[in-house]
Amino acid sequence: MSLLNKFSNKTTLELVTIIESGDDYTDPAKEAAKTILELKKIEEEELKDASKKFWTDKLNDNFKRYLLNNIKPESKFLNTEEISELFKIAFEKWQEQQETFQVDTTKYWFV
């Protein structure tokens, strides 16, 4: 079974995920996904929305990894400003989560 046949029933988000996933997929798999997107004539706005969804989920799941390793996300569909905005939002969400996990020391004082 060729990759084109294998990927032909995938959604736009799944195809964008294949392309955006870096080393998770082989180059022929990425090329097949690009070809299918071109054949389906997906609009640029839909591709950007799918890419934003992919990066939002990925950054929210692994933000600490990106932060500690100083990894800058690169997208095939989003420009630098758009990916930076998603990174900023993920950072703010991560900070809020960190504040949630802090110990409330006012409950543990002794007389």
C-alpha atoms as a PDB file:
ATOM      1  CA  MET A   1       0.000   0.000   0.000  1.00  0.00           C
ATOM      2  CA  SER A   2       1.457   3.367  -0.971  1.00  0.00           C
ATOM      3  CA  LEU A   3       1.591   6.283   1.418  1.00  0.00           C
ATOM      4  CA  LEU A   4      -0.806   8.246  -0.793  1.00  0.00           C
ATOM      5  CA  ASN A   5      -3.405   5.510  -0.411  1.00  0.00           C
ATOM      6  CA  LYS A   6      -2.703   5.156   3.287  1.00  0.00           C
ATOM      7  CA  PHE A   7      -3.068   8.889   3.990  1.00  0.00           C
ATOM      8  CA  SER A   8      -5.900   9.634   1.549  1.00  0.00           C
ATOM      9  CA  ASN A   9      -8.645   9.301   4.193  1.00  0.00           C
ATOM     10  CA  LYS A  10      -6.904  11.377   6.847  1.00  0.00           C
ATOM     11  CA  THR A  11      -8.318  14.705   7.971  1.00  0.00           C
ATOM     12  CA  THR A  12      -6.612  18.020   7.322  1.00  0.00           C
ATOM     13  CA  LEU A  13      -5.454  18.149  10.945  1.00  0.00           C
ATOM     14  CA  GLU A  14      -3.921  14.668  10.705  1.00  0.00           C
ATOM     15  CA  LEU A  15      -2.097  15.579   7.478  1.00  0.00           C
ATOM     16  CA  VAL A  16      -0.812  18.829   8.967  1.00  0.00           C
ATOM     17  CA  THR A  17       0.337  16.875  12.027  1.00  0.00           C
ATOM     18  CA  ILE A  18       2.384  14.580   9.791  1.00  0.00           C
ATOM     19  CA  ILE A  19       4.037  17.560   8.120  1.00  0.00           C
ATOM     20  CA  GLU A  20       4.624  19.567  11.311  1.00  0.00           C
ATOM     21  CA  SER A  21       5.879  16.689  13.473  1.00  0.00           C
ATOM     22  CA  GLY A  22       9.550  17.102  12.633  1.00  0.00           C
ATOM     23  CA  ASP A  23      11.424  13.813  12.811  1.00  0.00           C
ATOM     24  CA  ASP A  24       8.385  11.789  13.883  1.00  0.00           C
ATOM     25  CA  TYR A  25       7.609  10.941  10.231  1.00  0.00           C
ATOM     26  CA  THR A  26       9.831  10.114   7.274  1.00  0.00           C
ATOM     27  CA  ASP A  27      10.372  12.523   4.396  1.00  0.00           C
ATOM     28  CA  PRO A  28       8.307  10.346   2.001  1.00  0.00           C
ATOM     29  CA  ALA A  29       5.410  10.419   4.494  1.00  0.00           C
ATOM     30  CA  LYS A  30       5.609  14.216   4.700  1.00  0.00           C
ATOM     31  CA  GLU A  31       5.713  14.497   0.909  1.00  0.00           C
ATOM     32  CA  ALA A  32       2.685  12.226   0.603  1.00  0.00           C
ATOM     33  CA  ALA A  33       0.784  14.370   3.121  1.00  0.00           C
ATOM     34  CA  LYS A  34       1.712  17.548   1.201  1.00  0.00           C
ATOM     35  CA  THR A  35       0.586  15.979  -2.062  1.00  0.00           C
ATOM     36  CA  ILE A  36      -2.778  14.981  -0.605  1.00  0.00           C
ATOM     37  CA  LEU A  37      -3.319  18.488   0.783  1.00  0.00           C
ATOM     38  CA  GLU A  38      -2.550  19.929  -2.658  1.00  0.00           C
ATOM     39  CA  LEU A  39      -4.908  17.465  -4.365  1.00  0.00           C
ATOM     40  CA  LYS A  40      -7.692  18.284  -1.895  1.00  0.00           C
ATOM     41  CA  LYS A  41      -7.101  21.996  -2.596  1.00  0.00           C
ATOM     42  CA  ILE A  42      -7.330  22.927   1.072  1.00  0.00           C
ATOM     43  CA  GLU A  43      -7.481  26.683   1.634  1.00  0.00           C
ATOM     44  CA  GLU A  44      -4.555  28.375   3.355  1.00  0.00           C
ATOM     45  CA  GLU A  45      -6.745  29.554   6.227  1.00  0.00           C
ATOM     46  CA  GLU A  46      -7.843  25.987   7.015  1.00  0.00           C
ATOM     47  CA  LEU A  47      -4.203  24.858   6.943  1.00  0.00           C
ATOM     48  CA  LYS A  48      -3.244  27.649   9.344  1.00  0.00           C
ATOM     49  CA  ASP A  49      -6.111  26.745  11.686  1.00  0.00           C
ATOM     50  CA  ALA A  50      -5.041  23.087  11.699  1.00  0.00           C
ATOM     51  CA  SER A  51      -1.442  24.097  12.312  1.00  0.00           C
ATOM     52  CA  LYS A  52      -2.475  26.391  15.193  1.00  0.00           C
ATOM     53  CA  LYS A  53      -4.449  23.521  16.730  1.00  0.00           C
ATOM     54  CA  PHE A  54      -1.453  21.187  16.372  1.00  0.00           C
ATOM     55  CA  TRP A  55       1.011  23.663  17.922  1.00  0.00           C
ATOM     56  CA  THR A  56      -1.365  24.706  20.706  1.00  0.00           C
ATOM     57  CA  ASP A  57      -1.806  21.076  21.769  1.00  0.00           C
ATOM     58  CA  LYS A  58       1.888  20.262  21.400  1.00  0.00           C
ATOM     59  CA  LEU A  59       3.058  23.317  23.346  1.00  0.00           C
ATOM     60  CA  ASN A  60       0.504  22.793  26.111  1.00  0.00           C
ATOM     61  CA  ASP A  61       1.555  19.146  26.479  1.00  0.00           C
ATOM     62  CA  ASN A  62       5.342  19.674  26.320  1.00  0.00           C
ATOM     63  CA  PHE A  63       5.967  23.316  27.157  1.00  0.00           C
ATOM     64  CA  LYS A  64       8.551  22.639  29.838  1.00  0.00           C
ATOM     65  CA  ARG A  65      10.630  20.638  27.328  1.00  0.00           C
ATOM     66  CA  TYR A  66      10.642  23.547  24.889  1.00  0.00           C
ATOM     67  CA  LEU A  67      11.537  25.978  27.649  1.00  0.00           C
ATOM     68  CA  LEU A  68      14.319  23.943  29.286  1.00  0.00           C
ATOM     69  CA  ASN A  69      15.965  22.897  26.013  1.00  0.00           C
ATOM     70  CA  ASN A  70      15.579  26.342  24.444  1.00  0.00           C
ATOM     71  CA  ILE A  71      13.765  24.831  21.459  1.00  0.00           C
ATOM     72  CA  LYS A  72      12.071  27.294  19.143  1.00  0.00           C
ATOM     73  CA  PRO A  73       9.086  25.745  17.348  1.00  0.00           C
ATOM     74  CA  GLU A  74       9.129  26.030  13.566  1.00  0.00           C
ATOM     75  CA  SER A  75       6.020  25.665  11.467  1.00  0.00           C
ATOM     76  CA  LYS A  76       5.539  24.950   7.789  1.00  0.00           C
ATOM     77  CA  PHE A  77       2.233  26.844   7.750  1.00  0.00           C
ATOM     78  CA  LEU A  78       2.583  29.614  10.347  1.00  0.00           C
ATOM     79  CA  ASN A  79       4.899  32.602  10.214  1.00  0.00           C
ATOM     80  CA  THR A  80       7.258  33.566  13.036  1.00  0.00           C
ATOM     81  CA  GLU A  81       4.818  36.033  14.592  1.00  0.00           C
ATOM     82  CA  GLU A  82       1.992  33.512  14.710  1.00  0.00           C
ATOM     83  CA  ILE A  83       4.118  30.768  16.264  1.00  0.00           C
ATOM     84  CA  SER A  84       5.569  33.277  18.761  1.00  0.00           C
ATOM     85  CA  GLU A  85       2.050  34.275  19.815  1.00  0.00           C
ATOM     86  CA  LEU A  86       1.126  30.618  20.408  1.00  0.00           C
ATOM     87  CA  PHE A  87       4.336  30.179  22.415  1.00  0.00           C
ATOM     88  CA  LYS A  88       3.487  33.244  24.508  1.00  0.00           C
ATOM     89  CA  ILE A  89      -0.011  31.924  25.246  1.00  0.00           C
ATOM     90  CA  ALA A  90       1.394  28.513  26.197  1.00  0.00           C
ATOM     91  CA  PHE A  91       3.935  30.213  28.491  1.00  0.00           C
ATOM     92  CA  GLU A  92       1.207  32.166  30.280  1.00  0.00           C
ATOM     93  CA  LYS A  93      -0.855  29.001  30.692  1.00  0.00           C
ATOM     94  CA  TRP A  94       2.201  27.148  32.017  1.00  0.00           C
ATOM     95  CA  GLN A  95       2.857  29.951  34.534  1.00  0.00           C
ATOM     96  CA  GLU A  96      -0.726  29.737  35.771  1.00  0.00           C
ATOM     97  CA  GLN A  97      -0.341  25.987  36.252  1.00  0.00           C
ATOM     98  CA  GLN A  98       2.869  26.504  38.217  1.00  0.00           C
ATOM     99  CA  GLU A  99       1.112  28.954  40.532  1.00  0.00           C
ATOM    100  CA  THR A 100      -1.643  26.410  41.092  1.00  0.00           C
ATOM    101  CA  PHE A 101       0.869  23.815  42.300  1.00  0.00           C
ATOM    102  CA  GLN A 102       2.580  26.099  44.813  1.00  0.00           C
ATOM    103  CA  VAL A 103       2.137  25.241  48.472  1.00  0.00           C
ATOM    104  CA  ASP A 104       0.052  27.650  50.483  1.00  0.00           C
ATOM    105  CA  THR A 105       2.416  28.295  53.406  1.00  0.00           C
ATOM    106  CA  THR A 106      -0.194  30.267  55.366  1.00  0.00           C
ATOM    107  CA  LYS A 107      -1.845  26.961  56.287  1.00  0.00           C
ATOM    108  CA  TYR A 108       1.317  25.503  57.793  1.00  0.00           C
ATOM    109  CA  TRP A 109       2.486  28.003  60.384  1.00  0.00           C
ATOM    110  CA  PHE A 110       2.886  26.931  63.990  1.00  0.00           C
ATOM    111  CA  VAL A 111       2.545  28.887  67.247  1.00  0.00           C
END
